């Protein structure tokens, strides 16, 4: 499965909700208009020192699978 890693250094970024959109250039792609992924849930940056909801730890990672991706031979 193709995968991309996106890193965002949030130092100096104002707290708030951020909508994330990843766009990729794929060499030789016949349909470059669909080479993007919009995350459904916004990324929330809290002010430094603010406790996370539900006792969650700071840091971490997220993974999103493009719902348009349908690998052959794998049940959906």
N, C-alpha and C. Protein backbone atom coordinates (compact mmCIF):
# COMPACT_ATOMS: atom_id res chain seq x y z
N UNK A 1 0.85 -1.17 0.00
CA UNK A 1 0.00 0.00 0.00
C UNK A 1 0.90 1.24 0.00
N UNK A 2 0.66 2.17 -0.89
CA UNK A 2 1.43 3.41 -0.88
C UNK A 2 1.16 4.19 0.41
N UNK A 3 2.20 4.77 0.94
CA UNK A 3 2.04 5.55 2.17
C UNK A 3 2.92 6.78 2.10
N UNK A 4 2.47 7.83 2.72
CA UNK A 4 3.23 9.07 2.82
C UNK A 4 3.23 9.50 4.28
N UNK A 5 4.32 10.06 4.71
CA UNK A 5 4.43 10.59 6.06
C UNK A 5 4.54 12.11 5.97
N UNK A 6 3.73 12.78 6.76
CA UNK A 6 3.75 14.24 6.78
C UNK A 6 4.08 14.66 8.21
N UNK A 7 5.09 15.47 8.36
CA UNK A 7 5.46 15.96 9.68
C UNK A 7 5.23 17.46 9.73
N UNK A 8 4.72 17.92 10.85
CA UNK A 8 4.44 19.33 11.01
C UNK A 8 5.00 19.79 12.34
N UNK A 9 5.96 20.67 12.31
CA UNK A 9 6.54 21.23 13.52
C UNK A 9 5.61 22.36 13.97
N UNK A 10 4.94 22.18 15.08
CA UNK A 10 3.94 23.15 15.53
C UNK A 10 4.50 24.22 16.47
N UNK A 11 5.81 24.21 16.67
CA UNK A 11 6.39 25.26 17.52
C UNK A 11 6.09 26.63 16.91
N UNK A 12 5.57 27.53 17.71
CA UNK A 12 5.28 28.88 17.26
C UNK A 12 3.94 29.04 16.56
N UNK A 13 3.20 27.94 16.41
CA UNK A 13 1.89 28.01 15.76
C UNK A 13 0.84 28.34 16.83
N UNK A 14 -0.07 29.23 16.51
CA UNK A 14 -1.10 29.64 17.47
C UNK A 14 -2.04 28.47 17.77
N UNK A 15 -2.49 28.36 19.04
CA UNK A 15 -3.48 27.33 19.38
C UNK A 15 -4.75 27.54 18.56
N UNK A 16 -5.44 26.46 18.29
CA UNK A 16 -6.69 26.52 17.54
C UNK A 16 -6.90 25.24 16.76
N UNK A 17 -7.94 25.24 15.92
CA UNK A 17 -8.26 24.09 15.07
C UNK A 17 -7.71 24.34 13.67
N UNK A 18 -7.08 23.33 13.13
CA UNK A 18 -6.49 23.43 11.79
C UNK A 18 -7.01 22.31 10.91
N UNK A 19 -7.50 22.66 9.75
CA UNK A 19 -7.91 21.66 8.77
C UNK A 19 -6.66 21.26 7.98
N UNK A 20 -6.47 19.97 7.80
CA UNK A 20 -5.28 19.47 7.13
C UNK A 20 -5.66 18.90 5.76
N UNK A 21 -4.90 19.32 4.75
CA UNK A 21 -5.06 18.79 3.40
C UNK A 21 -3.67 18.45 2.89
N UNK A 22 -3.50 17.23 2.44
CA UNK A 22 -2.22 16.80 1.87
C UNK A 22 -2.41 16.65 0.36
N UNK A 23 -1.50 17.25 -0.40
CA UNK A 23 -1.53 17.14 -1.85
C UNK A 23 -0.21 16.55 -2.31
N UNK A 24 -0.26 15.64 -3.28
CA UNK A 24 0.93 14.95 -3.74
C UNK A 24 1.04 15.01 -5.25
N UNK A 25 2.25 15.14 -5.72
CA UNK A 25 2.52 15.05 -7.14
C UNK A 25 2.94 13.62 -7.44
N UNK A 26 2.28 12.97 -8.37
CA UNK A 26 2.60 11.61 -8.76
C UNK A 26 3.04 11.64 -10.22
N UNK A 27 4.31 11.36 -10.45
CA UNK A 27 4.88 11.42 -11.79
C UNK A 27 4.13 10.50 -12.74
N UNK A 28 3.69 11.03 -13.88
CA UNK A 28 3.02 10.24 -14.91
C UNK A 28 1.58 9.90 -14.61
N UNK A 29 1.00 10.49 -13.59
CA UNK A 29 -0.39 10.20 -13.23
C UNK A 29 -1.33 10.79 -14.26
N UNK A 30 -2.26 9.96 -14.76
CA UNK A 30 -3.23 10.42 -15.76
C UNK A 30 -4.35 11.24 -15.15
N UNK A 31 -4.50 11.19 -13.82
CA UNK A 31 -5.58 11.94 -13.17
C UNK A 31 -5.03 12.70 -11.96
N UNK A 32 -4.21 13.72 -12.17
CA UNK A 32 -3.60 14.43 -11.05
C UNK A 32 -4.58 15.25 -10.21
N UNK A 33 -5.81 15.41 -10.70
CA UNK A 33 -6.80 16.21 -9.97
C UNK A 33 -7.23 15.57 -8.67
N UNK A 34 -6.97 14.28 -8.47
CA UNK A 34 -7.44 13.61 -7.25
C UNK A 34 -6.30 13.18 -6.33
N UNK A 35 -5.16 13.81 -6.44
CA UNK A 35 -4.00 13.44 -5.62
C UNK A 35 -3.96 14.27 -4.34
N UNK A 36 -4.99 14.12 -3.53
CA UNK A 36 -5.06 14.86 -2.27
C UNK A 36 -5.83 14.04 -1.25
N UNK A 37 -5.70 14.42 0.00
CA UNK A 37 -6.46 13.81 1.08
C UNK A 37 -6.79 14.90 2.09
N UNK A 38 -8.06 15.08 2.38
CA UNK A 38 -8.51 16.02 3.40
C UNK A 38 -8.87 15.23 4.65
N UNK A 39 -8.28 15.59 5.79
CA UNK A 39 -8.65 14.93 7.03
C UNK A 39 -10.03 15.41 7.46
N UNK A 40 -10.84 14.49 7.92
CA UNK A 40 -12.21 14.84 8.33
C UNK A 40 -12.24 15.62 9.63
N UNK A 41 -11.40 15.19 10.56
CA UNK A 41 -11.37 15.85 11.87
C UNK A 41 -10.24 16.88 11.87
N UNK A 42 -10.49 18.06 12.42
CA UNK A 42 -9.42 19.06 12.47
C UNK A 42 -8.35 18.67 13.49
N UNK A 43 -7.16 19.14 13.27
CA UNK A 43 -6.08 19.01 14.23
C UNK A 43 -6.26 20.14 15.24
N UNK A 44 -6.27 19.81 16.53
CA UNK A 44 -6.48 20.82 17.56
C UNK A 44 -5.16 21.04 18.31
N UNK A 45 -4.69 22.27 18.27
CA UNK A 45 -3.49 22.64 19.04
C UNK A 45 -3.94 23.40 20.27
N UNK A 46 -3.52 22.91 21.42
CA UNK A 46 -3.88 23.55 22.69
C UNK A 46 -2.76 24.47 23.14
N UNK A 47 -3.09 25.49 23.95
CA UNK A 47 -2.04 26.34 24.49
C UNK A 47 -1.08 25.51 25.34
N UNK A 48 0.19 25.89 25.36
CA UNK A 48 1.19 25.16 26.12
C UNK A 48 0.78 25.08 27.58
N UNK A 49 0.89 23.89 28.15
CA UNK A 49 0.55 23.67 29.56
C UNK A 49 -0.89 23.30 29.81
N UNK A 50 -1.75 23.36 28.79
CA UNK A 50 -3.15 23.00 28.94
C UNK A 50 -3.29 21.48 29.00
N UNK A 51 -4.12 20.99 29.91
CA UNK A 51 -4.35 19.55 30.01
C UNK A 51 -5.17 19.06 28.82
N UNK A 52 -4.88 17.84 28.38
CA UNK A 52 -5.64 17.26 27.28
C UNK A 52 -6.96 16.71 27.79
N UNK A 53 -7.98 16.73 26.95
CA UNK A 53 -9.27 16.17 27.35
C UNK A 53 -9.14 14.67 27.66
N UNK A 54 -9.92 14.20 28.57
CA UNK A 54 -9.99 12.77 28.92
C UNK A 54 -8.66 12.20 29.37
N UNK A 55 -7.74 13.04 29.86
CA UNK A 55 -6.48 12.55 30.37
C UNK A 55 -5.53 12.02 29.30
N UNK A 56 -5.73 12.36 28.04
CA UNK A 56 -4.85 11.88 26.97
C UNK A 56 -3.46 12.46 27.15
N UNK A 57 -2.46 11.73 26.61
CA UNK A 57 -1.07 12.18 26.69
C UNK A 57 -0.78 13.12 25.52
N UNK A 58 0.21 13.96 25.69
CA UNK A 58 0.61 14.85 24.60
C UNK A 58 1.43 14.08 23.56
N UNK A 59 1.62 14.71 22.42
CA UNK A 59 2.36 14.07 21.33
C UNK A 59 1.49 13.05 20.63
N UNK A 60 2.10 12.21 19.86
CA UNK A 60 1.36 11.14 19.23
C UNK A 60 1.36 11.25 17.72
N UNK A 61 0.56 10.40 17.12
CA UNK A 61 0.48 10.33 15.67
C UNK A 61 -0.94 9.96 15.26
N UNK A 62 -1.23 10.16 14.02
CA UNK A 62 -2.54 9.79 13.49
C UNK A 62 -2.33 9.12 12.14
N UNK A 63 -3.24 8.23 11.79
CA UNK A 63 -3.18 7.58 10.49
C UNK A 63 -4.55 7.68 9.84
N UNK A 64 -4.55 8.03 8.58
CA UNK A 64 -5.80 8.15 7.83
C UNK A 64 -5.66 7.37 6.54
N UNK A 65 -6.66 6.57 6.21
CA UNK A 65 -6.67 5.87 4.92
C UNK A 65 -7.66 6.57 4.00
N UNK A 66 -7.21 6.85 2.81
CA UNK A 66 -8.06 7.49 1.80
C UNK A 66 -9.21 6.54 1.46
N UNK A 67 -10.45 6.96 1.68
CA UNK A 67 -11.59 6.07 1.40
C UNK A 67 -11.71 5.70 -0.08
N UNK A 68 -11.04 6.44 -0.94
CA UNK A 68 -11.08 6.12 -2.37
C UNK A 68 -10.15 4.96 -2.73
N UNK A 69 -9.23 4.61 -1.84
CA UNK A 69 -8.25 3.56 -2.11
C UNK A 69 -8.89 2.20 -1.91
N UNK A 70 -8.95 1.41 -2.97
CA UNK A 70 -9.57 0.08 -2.94
C UNK A 70 -8.56 -0.92 -3.51
N UNK A 71 -7.68 -1.48 -2.64
CA UNK A 71 -6.69 -2.42 -3.15
C UNK A 71 -7.35 -3.69 -3.67
N UNK A 72 -6.84 -4.20 -4.77
CA UNK A 72 -7.39 -5.41 -5.38
C UNK A 72 -7.16 -6.61 -4.48
N UNK A 73 -8.18 -7.46 -4.35
CA UNK A 73 -8.05 -8.69 -3.60
C UNK A 73 -8.19 -8.55 -2.09
N UNK A 74 -8.44 -7.35 -1.60
CA UNK A 74 -8.61 -7.15 -0.16
C UNK A 74 -10.05 -6.73 0.11
N UNK A 75 -10.77 -7.51 0.94
CA UNK A 75 -12.18 -7.15 1.23
C UNK A 75 -12.28 -5.78 1.88
N UNK A 76 -13.28 -5.04 1.51
CA UNK A 76 -13.47 -3.69 2.06
C UNK A 76 -14.47 -3.75 3.16
